[in-house]
PDB file of all heavy atoms in Angstrom:
ATOM      1  N   GLY A   1     179.103  58.355  81.259  1.00  0.00           N
ATOM      2  CA  GLY A   1     178.568  58.426  79.895  1.00  0.00           C
ATOM      3  C   GLY A   1     179.413  58.775  78.763  1.00  0.00           C
ATOM      4  O   GLY A   1     178.997  58.870  77.601  1.00  0.00           O
ATOM      5  N   PHE A   2     180.686  58.919  79.051  1.00  0.00           N
ATOM      6  CA  PHE A   2     181.625  59.304  77.979  1.00  0.00           C
ATOM      7  C   PHE A   2     182.138  57.896  77.392  1.00  0.00           C
ATOM      8  O   PHE A   2     182.234  56.867  77.965  1.00  0.00           O
ATOM      9  CB  PHE A   2     182.902  60.042  78.448  1.00  0.00           C
ATOM     10  CG  PHE A   2     182.545  61.492  78.732  1.00  0.00           C
ATOM     11  CD1 PHE A   2     181.751  61.836  79.843  1.00  0.00           C
ATOM     12  CD2 PHE A   2     183.089  62.512  77.856  1.00  0.00           C
ATOM     13  CE1 PHE A   2     181.543  63.194  79.997  1.00  0.00           C
ATOM     14  CE2 PHE A   2     182.779  63.836  78.083  1.00  0.00           C
ATOM     15  CZ  PHE A   2     182.008  64.197  79.253  1.00  0.00           C
ATOM     16  N   SER A   3     182.549  58.047  76.096  1.00  0.00           N
ATOM     17  CA  SER A   3     183.187  56.884  75.368  1.00  0.00           C
ATOM     18  C   SER A   3     184.377  57.270  74.758  1.00  0.00           C
ATOM     19  O   SER A   3     184.525  58.457  74.437  1.00  0.00           O
ATOM     20  CB  SER A   3     182.191  56.209  74.452  1.00  0.00           C
ATOM     21  OG  SER A   3     181.775  57.006  73.460  1.00  0.00           O
ATOM     22  N   VAL A   4     185.336  56.375  74.472  1.00  0.00           N
ATOM     23  CA  VAL A   4     186.612  56.662  73.714  1.00  0.00           C
ATOM     24  C   VAL A   4     186.209  57.246  72.419  1.00  0.00           C
ATOM     25  O   VAL A   4     185.364  56.639  71.680  1.00  0.00           O
ATOM     26  CB  VAL A   4     187.513  55.511  73.718  1.00  0.00           C
ATOM     27  CG1 VAL A   4     188.702  55.719  72.910  1.00  0.00           C
ATOM     28  CG2 VAL A   4     187.904  55.010  75.117  1.00  0.00           C
ATOM     29  N   LEU A   5     186.865  58.366  71.938  1.00  0.00           N
ATOM     30  CA  LEU A   5     186.689  58.870  70.660  1.00  0.00           C
ATOM     31  C   LEU A   5     187.516  58.294  69.634  1.00  0.00           C
ATOM     32  O   LEU A   5     188.645  58.486  69.756  1.00  0.00           O
ATOM     33  CB  LEU A   5     186.807  60.450  70.827  1.00  0.00           C
ATOM     34  CG  LEU A   5     186.619  61.244  69.570  1.00  0.00           C
ATOM     35  CD1 LEU A   5     185.239  61.261  69.083  1.00  0.00           C
ATOM     36  CD2 LEU A   5     187.189  62.685  69.805  1.00  0.00           C
ATOM     37  N   ARG A   6     186.904  57.751  68.630  1.00  0.00           N
ATOM     38  CA  ARG A   6     187.728  57.146  67.589  1.00  0.00           C
ATOM     39  C   ARG A   6     187.724  58.091  66.398  1.00  0.00           C
ATOM     40  O   ARG A   6     188.729  58.213  65.703  1.00  0.00           O
ATOM     41  CB  ARG A   6     187.160  55.834  67.180  1.00  0.00           C
ATOM     42  CG  ARG A   6     186.915  54.835  68.348  1.00  0.00           C
ATOM     43  CD  ARG A   6     187.880  53.622  68.314  1.00  0.00           C
ATOM     44  NE  ARG A   6     187.511  52.692  69.322  1.00  0.00           N
ATOM     45  CZ  ARG A   6     188.320  52.747  70.545  1.00  0.00           C
ATOM     46  NH1 ARG A   6     189.277  53.537  70.715  1.00  0.00           N
ATOM     47  NH2 ARG A   6     187.985  51.988  71.448  1.00  0.00           N
ATOM     48  N   ASP A   7     186.573  58.644  65.989  1.00  0.00           N
ATOM     49  CA  ASP A   7     186.394  59.562  64.919  1.00  0.00           C
ATOM     50  C   ASP A   7     185.704  60.856  65.391  1.00  0.00           C
ATOM     51  O   ASP A   7     184.503  60.617  65.922  1.00  0.00           O
ATOM     52  CB  ASP A   7     185.656  58.871  63.812  1.00  0.00           C
ATOM     53  CG  ASP A   7     185.293  59.764  62.563  1.00  0.00           C
ATOM     54  OD1 ASP A   7     185.699  60.843  62.602  1.00  0.00           O
ATOM     55  OD2 ASP A   7     184.474  59.309  61.703  1.00  0.00           O
ATOM     56  N   PRO A   8     186.229  61.991  65.256  1.00  0.00           N
ATOM     57  CA  PRO A   8     185.512  63.218  65.803  1.00  0.00           C
ATOM     58  C   PRO A   8     184.169  63.400  65.157  1.00  0.00           C
ATOM     59  O   PRO A   8     183.390  64.235  65.611  1.00  0.00           O
ATOM     60  CB  PRO A   8     186.471  64.343  65.640  1.00  0.00           C
ATOM     61  CG  PRO A   8     187.566  63.839  64.727  1.00  0.00           C
ATOM     62  CD  PRO A   8     187.535  62.228  64.819  1.00  0.00           C
ATOM     63  N   GLY A   9     183.877  62.829  63.995  1.00  0.00           N
ATOM     64  CA  GLY A   9     182.638  63.045  63.306  1.00  0.00           C
ATOM     65  C   GLY A   9     182.347  64.426  62.904  1.00  0.00           C
ATOM     66  O   GLY A   9     181.207  64.993  62.964  1.00  0.00           O
ATOM     67  N   ILE A  10     183.355  65.113  62.358  1.00  0.00           N
ATOM     68  CA  ILE A  10     183.278  66.474  61.971  1.00  0.00           C
ATOM     69  C   ILE A  10     183.153  66.666  60.417  1.00  0.00           C
ATOM     70  O   ILE A  10     183.881  66.087  59.772  1.00  0.00           O
ATOM     71  CB  ILE A  10     184.627  67.367  62.376  1.00  0.00           C
ATOM     72  CG1 ILE A  10     184.721  67.155  63.946  1.00  0.00           C
ATOM     73  CG2 ILE A  10     184.472  68.735  61.951  1.00  0.00           C
ATOM     74  CD1 ILE A  10     183.782  67.889  64.746  1.00  0.00           C
ATOM     75  N   ASP A  11     182.053  67.268  60.017  1.00  0.00           N
ATOM     76  CA  ASP A  11     181.864  67.528  58.603  1.00  0.00           C
ATOM     77  C   ASP A  11     183.024  68.393  58.055  1.00  0.00           C
ATOM     78  O   ASP A  11     183.562  69.220  58.763  1.00  0.00           O
ATOM     79  CB  ASP A  11     180.516  67.959  58.250  1.00  0.00           C
ATOM     80  CG  ASP A  11     180.188  69.413  58.836  1.00  0.00           C
ATOM     81  OD1 ASP A  11     180.710  70.455  58.113  1.00  0.00           O
ATOM     82  OD2 ASP A  11     179.630  69.396  59.941  1.00  0.00           O
ATOM     83  N   PRO A  12     183.220  68.331  56.717  1.00  0.00           N
ATOM     84  CA  PRO A  12     184.312  69.121  56.188  1.00  0.00           C
ATOM     85  C   PRO A  12     184.250  70.693  56.422  1.00  0.00           C
ATOM     86  O   PRO A  12     185.192  71.289  56.613  1.00  0.00           O
ATOM     87  CB  PRO A  12     184.253  68.732  54.712  1.00  0.00           C
ATOM     88  CG  PRO A  12     183.728  67.326  54.676  1.00  0.00           C
ATOM     89  CD  PRO A  12     182.731  67.394  55.861  1.00  0.00           C
ATOM     90  N   GLY A  13     182.988  71.168  56.319  1.00  0.00           N
ATOM     91  CA  GLY A  13     182.773  72.605  56.460  1.00  0.00           C
ATOM     92  C   GLY A  13     183.199  73.007  57.912  1.00  0.00           C
ATOM     93  O   GLY A  13     183.797  74.027  58.081  1.00  0.00           O
ATOM     94  N   THR A  14     182.661  72.244  58.901  1.00  0.00           N
ATOM     95  CA  THR A  14     182.954  72.614  60.293  1.00  0.00           C
ATOM     96  C   THR A  14     184.446  72.351  60.504  1.00  0.00           C
ATOM     97  O   THR A  14     185.006  73.152  61.201  1.00  0.00           O
ATOM     98  CB  THR A  14     182.101  71.690  61.244  1.00  0.00           C
ATOM     99  OG1 THR A  14     180.738  71.883  60.967  1.00  0.00           O
ATOM    100  CG2 THR A  14     182.437  71.984  62.677  1.00  0.00           C
ATOM    101  N   TYR A  15     184.948  71.346  60.081  1.00  0.00           N
ATOM    102  CA  TYR A  15     186.369  71.044  60.240  1.00  0.00           C
ATOM    103  C   TYR A  15     187.208  72.217  59.806  1.00  0.00           C
ATOM    104  O   TYR A  15     188.213  72.712  60.491  1.00  0.00           O
ATOM    105  CB  TYR A  15     186.889  69.786  59.467  1.00  0.00           C
ATOM    106  CG  TYR A  15     188.295  69.398  59.667  1.00  0.00           C
ATOM    107  CD1 TYR A  15     188.721  68.591  60.617  1.00  0.00           C
ATOM    108  CD2 TYR A  15     189.260  69.992  58.796  1.00  0.00           C
ATOM    109  CE1 TYR A  15     190.124  68.341  60.802  1.00  0.00           C
ATOM    110  CE2 TYR A  15     190.647  69.692  58.958  1.00  0.00           C
ATOM    111  CZ  TYR A  15     191.029  68.870  59.988  1.00  0.00           C
ATOM    112  OH  TYR A  15     192.353  68.561  60.117  1.00  0.00           O
ATOM    113  N   SER A  16     186.864  72.818  58.472  1.00  0.00           N
ATOM    114  CA  SER A  16     187.688  73.940  58.085  1.00  0.00           C
ATOM    115  C   SER A  16     187.577  75.146  59.006  1.00  0.00           C
ATOM    116  O   SER A  16     188.460  76.041  59.067  1.00  0.00           O
ATOM    117  CB  SER A  16     187.133  74.360  56.677  1.00  0.00           C
ATOM    118  OG  SER A  16     185.816  74.832  56.629  1.00  0.00           O
ATOM    119  N   GLU A  17     186.501  75.331  59.770  1.00  0.00           N
ATOM    120  CA  GLU A  17     186.358  76.425  60.828  1.00  0.00           C
ATOM    121  C   GLU A  17     187.217  76.107  62.037  1.00  0.00           C
ATOM    122  O   GLU A  17     187.892  76.878  62.534  1.00  0.00           O
ATOM    123  CB  GLU A  17     184.868  76.648  61.047  1.00  0.00           C
ATOM    124  CG  GLU A  17     184.115  77.180  59.946  1.00  0.00           C
ATOM    125  CD  GLU A  17     184.492  78.521  59.547  1.00  0.00           C
ATOM    126  OE1 GLU A  17     184.951  79.408  60.346  1.00  0.00           O
ATOM    127  OE2 GLU A  17     184.398  78.958  58.315  1.00  0.00           O
ATOM    128  N   LEU A  18     187.028  74.771  62.497  1.00  0.00           N
ATOM    129  CA  LEU A  18     187.637  74.407  63.741  1.00  0.00           C
ATOM    130  C   LEU A  18     189.134  74.456  63.632  1.00  0.00           C
ATOM    131  O   LEU A  18     189.805  74.710  64.636  1.00  0.00           O
ATOM    132  CB  LEU A  18     187.145  73.072  64.180  1.00  0.00           C
ATOM    133  CG  LEU A  18     185.733  72.960  64.570  1.00  0.00           C
ATOM    134  CD1 LEU A  18     185.367  71.550  64.951  1.00  0.00           C
ATOM    135  CD2 LEU A  18     185.392  73.857  65.758  1.00  0.00           C
ATOM    136  N   VAL A  19     189.697  73.978  62.534  1.00  0.00           N
ATOM    137  CA  VAL A  19     191.114  74.037  62.338  1.00  0.00           C
ATOM    138  C   VAL A  19     191.711  75.404  62.503  1.00  0.00           C
ATOM    139  O   VAL A  19     192.949  75.408  62.671  1.00  0.00           O
ATOM    140  CB  VAL A  19     191.454  73.371  60.901  1.00  0.00           C
ATOM    141  CG1 VAL A  19     191.233  74.261  59.816  1.00  0.00           C
ATOM    142  CG2 VAL A  19     192.807  72.792  60.976  1.00  0.00           C
ATOM    143  N   ARG A  20     190.971  76.426  62.323  1.00  0.00           N
ATOM    144  CA  ARG A  20     191.459  77.835  62.565  1.00  0.00           C
ATOM    145  C   ARG A  20     191.686  78.279  64.161  1.00  0.00           C
ATOM    146  O   ARG A  20     192.315  79.190  64.379  1.00  0.00           O
ATOM    147  CB  ARG A  20     190.508  78.858  61.937  1.00  0.00           C
ATOM    148  CG  ARG A  20     190.410  78.635  60.492  1.00  0.00           C
ATOM    149  CD  ARG A  20     189.354  79.617  59.946  1.00  0.00           C
ATOM    150  NE  ARG A  20     189.130  79.192  58.536  1.00  0.00           N
ATOM    151  CZ  ARG A  20     188.312  79.874  57.739  1.00  0.00           C
ATOM    152  NH1 ARG A  20     187.741  80.986  58.139  1.00  0.00           N
ATOM    153  NH2 ARG A  20     188.058  79.434  56.568  1.00  0.00           N
ATOM    154  N   SER A  21     191.145  77.370  64.930  1.00  0.00           N
ATOM    155  CA  SER A  21     191.286  77.676  66.375  1.00  0.00           C
ATOM    156  C   SER A  21     192.750  77.606  66.745  1.00  0.00           C
ATOM    157  O   SER A  21     193.533  76.600  66.262  1.00  0.00           O
ATOM    158  CB  SER A  21     190.579  76.597  67.173  1.00  0.00           C
ATOM    159  OG  SER A  21     190.771  76.749  68.576  1.00  0.00           O
ATOM    160  N   HIS A  22     193.221  78.427  67.645  1.00  0.00           N
ATOM    161  CA  HIS A  22     194.648  78.437  68.149  1.00  0.00           C
ATOM    162  C   HIS A  22     194.698  77.554  69.414  1.00  0.00           C
ATOM    163  O   HIS A  22     195.698  77.547  69.886  1.00  0.00           O
ATOM    164  CB  HIS A  22     195.048  79.823  68.496  1.00  0.00           C
ATOM    165  CG  HIS A  22     195.110  80.713  67.162  1.00  0.00           C
ATOM    166  ND1 HIS A  22     196.003  80.455  66.204  1.00  0.00           N
ATOM    167  CD2 HIS A  22     194.297  81.642  66.698  1.00  0.00           C
ATOM    168  CE1 HIS A  22     195.976  81.378  65.202  1.00  0.00           C
ATOM    169  NE2 HIS A  22     194.835  82.043  65.528  1.00  0.00           N
ATOM    170  N   ASP A  23     193.542  77.008  69.881  1.00  0.00           N
ATOM    171  CA  ASP A  23     193.505  76.306  71.197  1.00  0.00           C
ATOM    172  C   ASP A  23     194.247  74.909  70.921  1.00  0.00           C
ATOM    173  O   ASP A  23     193.767  74.180  70.153  1.00  0.00           O
ATOM    174  CB  ASP A  23     192.104  76.227  71.618  1.00  0.00           C
ATOM    175  CG  ASP A  23     191.987  75.616  73.062  1.00  0.00           C
ATOM    176  OD1 ASP A  23     192.143  74.417  73.156  1.00  0.00           O
ATOM    177  OD2 ASP A  23     191.692  76.351  73.952  1.00  0.00           O
ATOM    178  N   GLU A  24     195.047  74.583  71.875  1.00  0.00           N
ATOM    179  CA  GLU A  24     195.766  73.382  71.856  1.00  0.00           C
ATOM    180  C   GLU A  24     194.787  72.099  72.018  1.00  0.00           C
ATOM    181  O   GLU A  24     194.970  70.947  71.552  1.00  0.00           O
ATOM    182  CB  GLU A  24     196.935  73.240  72.693  1.00  0.00           C
ATOM    183  CG  GLU A  24     197.999  74.256  72.379  1.00  0.00           C
ATOM    184  CD  GLU A  24     198.621  73.980  71.001  1.00  0.00           C
ATOM    185  OE1 GLU A  24     198.961  72.845  70.725  1.00  0.00           O
ATOM    186  OE2 GLU A  24     198.511  74.965  70.167  1.00  0.00           O
ATOM    187  N   GLY A  25     193.676  72.410  72.796  1.00  0.00           N
ATOM    188  CA  GLY A  25     192.792  71.260  73.135  1.00  0.00           C
ATOM    189  C   GLY A  25     192.082  70.877  71.855  1.00  0.00           C
ATOM    190  O   GLY A  25     191.884  69.798  71.510  1.00  0.00           O
ATOM    191  N   MET A  26     191.743  71.905  71.046  1.00  0.00           N
ATOM    192  CA  MET A  26     191.036  71.769  69.719  1.00  0.00           C
ATOM    193  C   MET A  26     192.064  71.031  68.808  1.00  0.00           C
ATOM    194  O   MET A  26     191.615  70.061  68.119  1.00  0.00           O
ATOM    195  CB  MET A  26     190.581  72.992  69.224  1.00  0.00           C
ATOM    196  CG  MET A  26     189.922  72.766  67.757  1.00  0.00           C
ATOM    197  SD  MET A  26     188.569  71.442  67.680  1.00  0.00           S
ATOM    198  CE  MET A  26     187.395  72.164  68.754  1.00  0.00           C
ATOM    199  N   ALA A  27     193.287  71.440  68.778  1.00  0.00           N
ATOM    200  CA  ALA A  27     194.264  70.810  67.967  1.00  0.00           C
ATOM    201  C   ALA A  27     194.479  69.333  68.199  1.00  0.00           C
ATOM    202  O   ALA A  27     194.496  68.415  67.321  1.00  0.00           O
ATOM    203  CB  ALA A  27     195.601  71.485  68.126  1.00  0.00           C
ATOM    204  N   GLU A  28     194.511  68.953  69.523  1.00  0.00           N
ATOM    205  CA  GLU A  28     194.513  67.563  69.871  1.00  0.00           C
ATOM    206  C   GLU A  28     193.240  66.799  69.591  1.00  0.00           C
ATOM    207  O   GLU A  28     193.300  65.642  69.035  1.00  0.00           O
ATOM    208  CB  GLU A  28     194.896  67.398  71.336  1.00  0.00           C
ATOM    209  CG  GLU A  28     196.343  67.730  71.643  1.00  0.00           C
ATOM    210  CD  GLU A  28     196.843  67.180  72.939  1.00  0.00           C
ATOM    211  OE1 GLU A  28     196.395  65.990  73.245  1.00  0.00           O
ATOM    212  OE2 GLU A  28     197.663  67.745  73.528  1.00  0.00           O
ATOM    213  N   PHE A  29     192.052  67.500  69.824  1.00  0.00           N
ATOM    214  CA  PHE A  29     190.757  66.834  69.402  1.00  0.00           C
ATOM    215  C   PHE A  29     190.764  66.397  67.851  1.00  0.00           C
ATOM    216  O   PHE A  29     190.312  65.360  67.442  1.00  0.00           O
ATOM    217  CB  PHE A  29     189.651  67.868  69.730  1.00  0.00           C
ATOM    218  CG  PHE A  29     188.206  67.334  69.250  1.00  0.00           C
ATOM    219  CD1 PHE A  29     187.650  66.339  69.880  1.00  0.00           C
ATOM    220  CD2 PHE A  29     187.632  67.754  68.154  1.00  0.00           C
ATOM    221  CE1 PHE A  29     186.313  65.834  69.575  1.00  0.00           C
ATOM    222  CE2 PHE A  29     186.394  67.366  67.687  1.00  0.00           C
ATOM    223  CZ  PHE A  29     185.698  66.407  68.334  1.00  0.00           C
ATOM    224  N   LEU A  30     191.144  67.349  67.087  1.00  0.00           N
ATOM    225  CA  LEU A  30     191.349  67.117  65.643  1.00  0.00           C
ATOM    226  C   LEU A  30     192.532  66.309  65.104  1.00  0.00           C
ATOM    227  O   LEU A  30     192.625  66.031  64.022  1.00  0.00           O
ATOM    228  CB  LEU A  30     191.324  68.557  64.869  1.00  0.00           C
ATOM    229  CG  LEU A  30     189.908  69.388  65.028  1.00  0.00           C
ATOM    230  CD1 LEU A  30     190.097  70.722  64.430  1.00  0.00           C
ATOM    231  CD2 LEU A  30     188.789  68.607  64.568  1.00  0.00           C
ATOM    232  N   GLU A  31     193.469  66.089  66.093  1.00  0.00           N
ATOM    233  CA  GLU A  31     194.782  65.322  65.794  1.00  0.00           C
ATOM    234  C   GLU A  31     195.554  66.039  64.708  1.00  0.00           C
ATOM    235  O   GLU A  31     195.943  65.514  63.782  1.00  0.00           O
ATOM    236  CB  GLU A  31     194.376  63.872  65.325  1.00  0.00           C
ATOM    237  CG  GLU A  31     193.868  63.053  66.501  1.00  0.00           C
ATOM    238  CD  GLU A  31     193.737  61.541  66.214  1.00  0.00           C
ATOM    239  OE1 GLU A  31     193.257  61.143  65.074  1.00  0.00           O
ATOM    240  OE2 GLU A  31     194.204  60.827  67.005  1.00  0.00           O
ATOM    241  N   LEU A  32     195.603  67.447  64.876  1.00  0.00           N
ATOM    242  CA  LEU A  32     196.419  68.234  63.871  1.00  0.00           C
ATOM    243  C   LEU A  32     197.840  67.954  64.081  1.00  0.00           C
ATOM    244  O   LEU A  32     198.365  67.663  65.091  1.00  0.00           O
ATOM    245  CB  LEU A  32     196.040  69.692  64.091  1.00  0.00           C
ATOM    246  CG  LEU A  32     194.672  70.038  64.031  1.00  0.00           C
ATOM    247  CD1 LEU A  32     194.465  71.531  64.155  1.00  0.00           C
ATOM    248  CD2 LEU A  32     194.188  69.757  62.525  1.00  0.00           C
ATOM    249  N   ALA A  33     198.509  67.977  62.911  1.00  0.00           N
ATOM    250  CA  ALA A  33     199.998  67.727  62.900  1.00  0.00           C
ATOM    251  C   ALA A  33     200.723  68.717  63.639  1.00  0.00           C
ATOM    252  O   ALA A  33     201.896  68.470  64.034  1.00  0.00           O
ATOM    253  CB  ALA A  33     200.504  67.560  61.517  1.00  0.00           C
ATOM    254  N   ARG A  34     200.285  70.008  63.808  1.00  0.00           N
ATOM    255  CA  ARG A  34     201.016  71.064  64.404  1.00  0.00           C
ATOM    256  C   ARG A  34     201.156  70.864  65.858  1.00  0.00           C
ATOM    257  O   ARG A  34     201.922  71.541  66.536  1.00  0.00           O
ATOM    258  CB  ARG A  34     200.304  72.330  64.160  1.00  0.00           C
ATOM    259  CG  ARG A  34     198.880  72.541  65.050  1.00  0.00           C
ATOM    260  CD  ARG A  34     198.612  74.092  64.656  1.00  0.00           C
ATOM    261  NE  ARG A  34     197.166  74.154  65.187  1.00  0.00           N
ATOM    262  CZ  ARG A  34     196.954  74.631  66.504  1.00  0.00           C
ATOM    263  NH1 ARG A  34     197.928  74.781  67.247  1.00  0.00           N
ATOM    264  NH2 ARG A  34     195.678  74.818  66.745  1.00  0.00           N
ATOM    265  N   VAL A  35     200.486  69.806  66.518  1.00  0.00           N
ATOM    266  CA  VAL A  35     200.665  69.615  67.964  1.00  0.00           C
ATOM    267  C   VAL A  35     201.374  68.305  68.091  1.00  0.00           C
ATOM    268  O   VAL A  35     201.286  67.390  67.282  1.00  0.00           O
ATOM    269  CB  VAL A  35     199.383  69.605  68.734  1.00  0.00           C
ATOM    270  CG1 VAL A  35     198.678  70.900  68.778  1.00  0.00           C
ATOM    271  CG2 VAL A  35     198.502  68.505  68.272  1.00  0.00           C
ATOM    272  N   LYS A  36     202.182  68.202  69.025  1.00  0.00           N
ATOM    273  CA  LYS A  36     202.807  66.906  69.425  1.00  0.00           C
ATOM    274  C   LYS A  36     201.614  65.929  69.777  1.00  0.00           C
ATOM    275  O   LYS A  36     200.881  66.309  70.782  1.00  0.00           O
ATOM    276  CB  LYS A  36     203.793  67.087  70.423  1.00  0.00           C
ATOM    277  CG  LYS A  36     204.463  65.782  70.847  1.00  0.00           C
ATOM    278  CD  LYS A  36     205.463  65.965  72.064  1.00  0.00           C
ATOM    279  CE  LYS A  36     205.913  64.622  72.552  1.00  0.00           C
ATOM    280  NZ  LYS A  36     206.634  64.629  73.770  1.00  0.00           N
ATOM    281  N   GLN A  37     201.460  64.950  69.156  1.00  0.00           N
ATOM    282  CA  GLN A  37     200.180  64.087  69.296  1.00  0.00           C
ATOM    283  C   GLN A  37     200.190  63.608  70.871  1.00  0.00           C
ATOM    284  O   GLN A  37     201.220  63.144  71.392  1.00  0.00           O
ATOM    285  CB  GLN A  37     200.215  62.913  68.416  1.00  0.00           C
ATOM    286  CG  GLN A  37     199.846  63.348  67.063  1.00  0.00           C
ATOM    287  CD  GLN A  37     198.656  64.139  66.840  1.00  0.00           C
ATOM    288  OE1 GLN A  37     197.564  63.767  67.194  1.00  0.00           O
ATOM    289  NE2 GLN A  37     198.696  65.280  66.288  1.00  0.00           N
ATOM    290  N   ASN A  38     199.042  63.779  71.365  1.00  0.00           N
ATOM    291  CA  ASN A  38     198.828  63.278  72.804  1.00  0.00           C
ATOM    292  C   ASN A  38     199.836  63.778  73.699  1.00  0.00           C
ATOM    293  O   ASN A  38     200.635  62.920  74.343  1.00  0.00           O
ATOM    294  CB  ASN A  38     198.624  61.854  72.803  1.00  0.00           C
ATOM    295  CG  ASN A  38     197.482  61.369  73.445  1.00  0.00           C
ATOM    296  OD1 ASN A  38     196.929  62.197  74.401  1.00  0.00           O
ATOM    297  ND2 ASN A  38     196.908  60.228  73.234  1.00  0.00           N
ATOM    298  N   THR A  39     199.956  65.005  73.894  1.00  0.00           N
ATOM    299  CA  THR A  39     201.111  65.601  74.697  1.00  0.00           C
ATOM    300  C   THR A  39     201.252  64.935  75.988  1.00  0.00           C
ATOM    301  O   THR A  39     202.378  64.666  76.484  1.00  0.00           O
ATOM    302  CB  THR A  39     200.736  67.173  74.914  1.00  0.00           C
ATOM    303  OG1 THR A  39     200.583  67.722  73.656  1.00  0.00           O
ATOM    304  CG2 THR A  39     201.892  67.791  75.808  1.00  0.00           C
ATOM    305  N   LEU A  40     200.134  64.498  76.679  1.00  0.00           N
ATOM    306  CA  LEU A  40     200.304  63.991  77.980  1.00  0.00           C
ATOM    307  C   LEU A  40     200.174  62.334  77.923  1.00  0.00           C
ATOM    308  O   LEU A  40     200.306  61.702  78.895  1.00  0.00           O
ATOM    309  CB  LEU A  40     199.184  64.524  78.958  1.00  0.00           C
ATOM    310  CG  LEU A  40     199.430  65.970  79.363  1.00  0.00           C
ATOM    311  CD1 LEU A  40     198.309  66.384  80.161  1.00  0.00           C
ATOM    312  CD2 LEU A  40     200.670  66.278  79.995  1.00  0.00           C
ATOM    313  N   GLY A  41     199.712  62.013  76.744  1.00  0.00           N
ATOM    314  CA  GLY A  41     199.455  60.444  76.602  1.00  0.00           C
ATOM    315  C   GLY A  41     198.058  60.160  77.150  1.00  0.00           C
ATOM    316  O   GLY A  41     197.807  58.994  77.593  1.00  0.00           O
TER     317      GLY A  41
END
């Protein structure tokens, strides 16, 4: 039941909270510049 994620659908308020996470999985989910994009491909 999973589908490829194109847009995380995060509202700006939630995004501003999630971006504070130090977790690399969250950084990749949000496609943050601080992580090497798609570390494993």
